[in-house]
Amino acid sequence: MSLHDDSALMRAVTRLICYAIPLCLICALFVSAQAEPTAQADAAEAEPSPQEATAYPLDELSREISPKGPVKCPKIPTIKYPGEHVKYHKPVTIHPAFKERLARFELLVKEVGIEVYGRAPVKMKHLGTYNCRRIGGYPNLLSEHSFANGIDIASFIFPKLKRDEALKEGLPKSLRRAFTVDMLKHWNAKRTAKGLHQRFLHRLGRRLIDSKIFRVMLGPSFPGHKNHFHLDVAPYELISIFE
């Protein structure tokens, strides 16, 4: 091959390389674009739907019963739970799935207690959890208490400060002692402890609504609930705490 032929060959090879590299890049981009929908589809299949993400183990059980005659409740597993972050005055009997909701609620109570009083309550008094019965005023429906899936909270017990513990600034000295914040006594008590007890209860009520820990949250604005927060995870939503 002559020197002229060698030069021509080199020019041809150079042109081929210049065209081949962009072509390869285009092919790679095309293959990537074709594969992307598949990857997205796989990711979509892996992620639960909104309905699945909010599913709850007791959702499938029927709440409807005969409006007359004895109440028959389904057999469900229950556990004894004393409270993790804030204790209950006595252990509650609950469905295992309800434990996680209560733990989140306890953290919320602790947080609001520290914000208002500079310390968290050591106990919460409840009016019951597991109780096979109808919903008051709705004889054809089982209460969530029948599924150990609800709780009624009546009061919050705060501890006495130790000698080396400082009272939060602005609080009356009387709050160095142990005290109880009661739903019935303090929900509308603007003058008790400078209105702090009312502030605590109302702030907790608002935080509960914002948190969406429970699906049903009832308080003083709902008939028959002047003295407690009722909290449950029914398969429907109902919120009525404030007037």
Foldseek 3Di string as FASTA:
>chain_A
DDPVVVVVVVVVVVVCVVVVVVVVVVVVVVVVVVCVVVVVVVVVVVDDDPCVVLDAPCAPDAFFDDLDDDFDFDDADWDWAQADLAGAPGTAIAHPRLNVLRNVLSVLQQVLCCVLWVGHFNYWYWPHFADFDCDVPCSGGTDCSVRSFKIWTFKTKHAAADPPDDTPPPWDPVVNHIDMQGQQPQCPPCPVRNSSSVVSVVVSLVVCVVVPSFQEWEACQDPPHSRTIMGGHHSHHDYYHDD
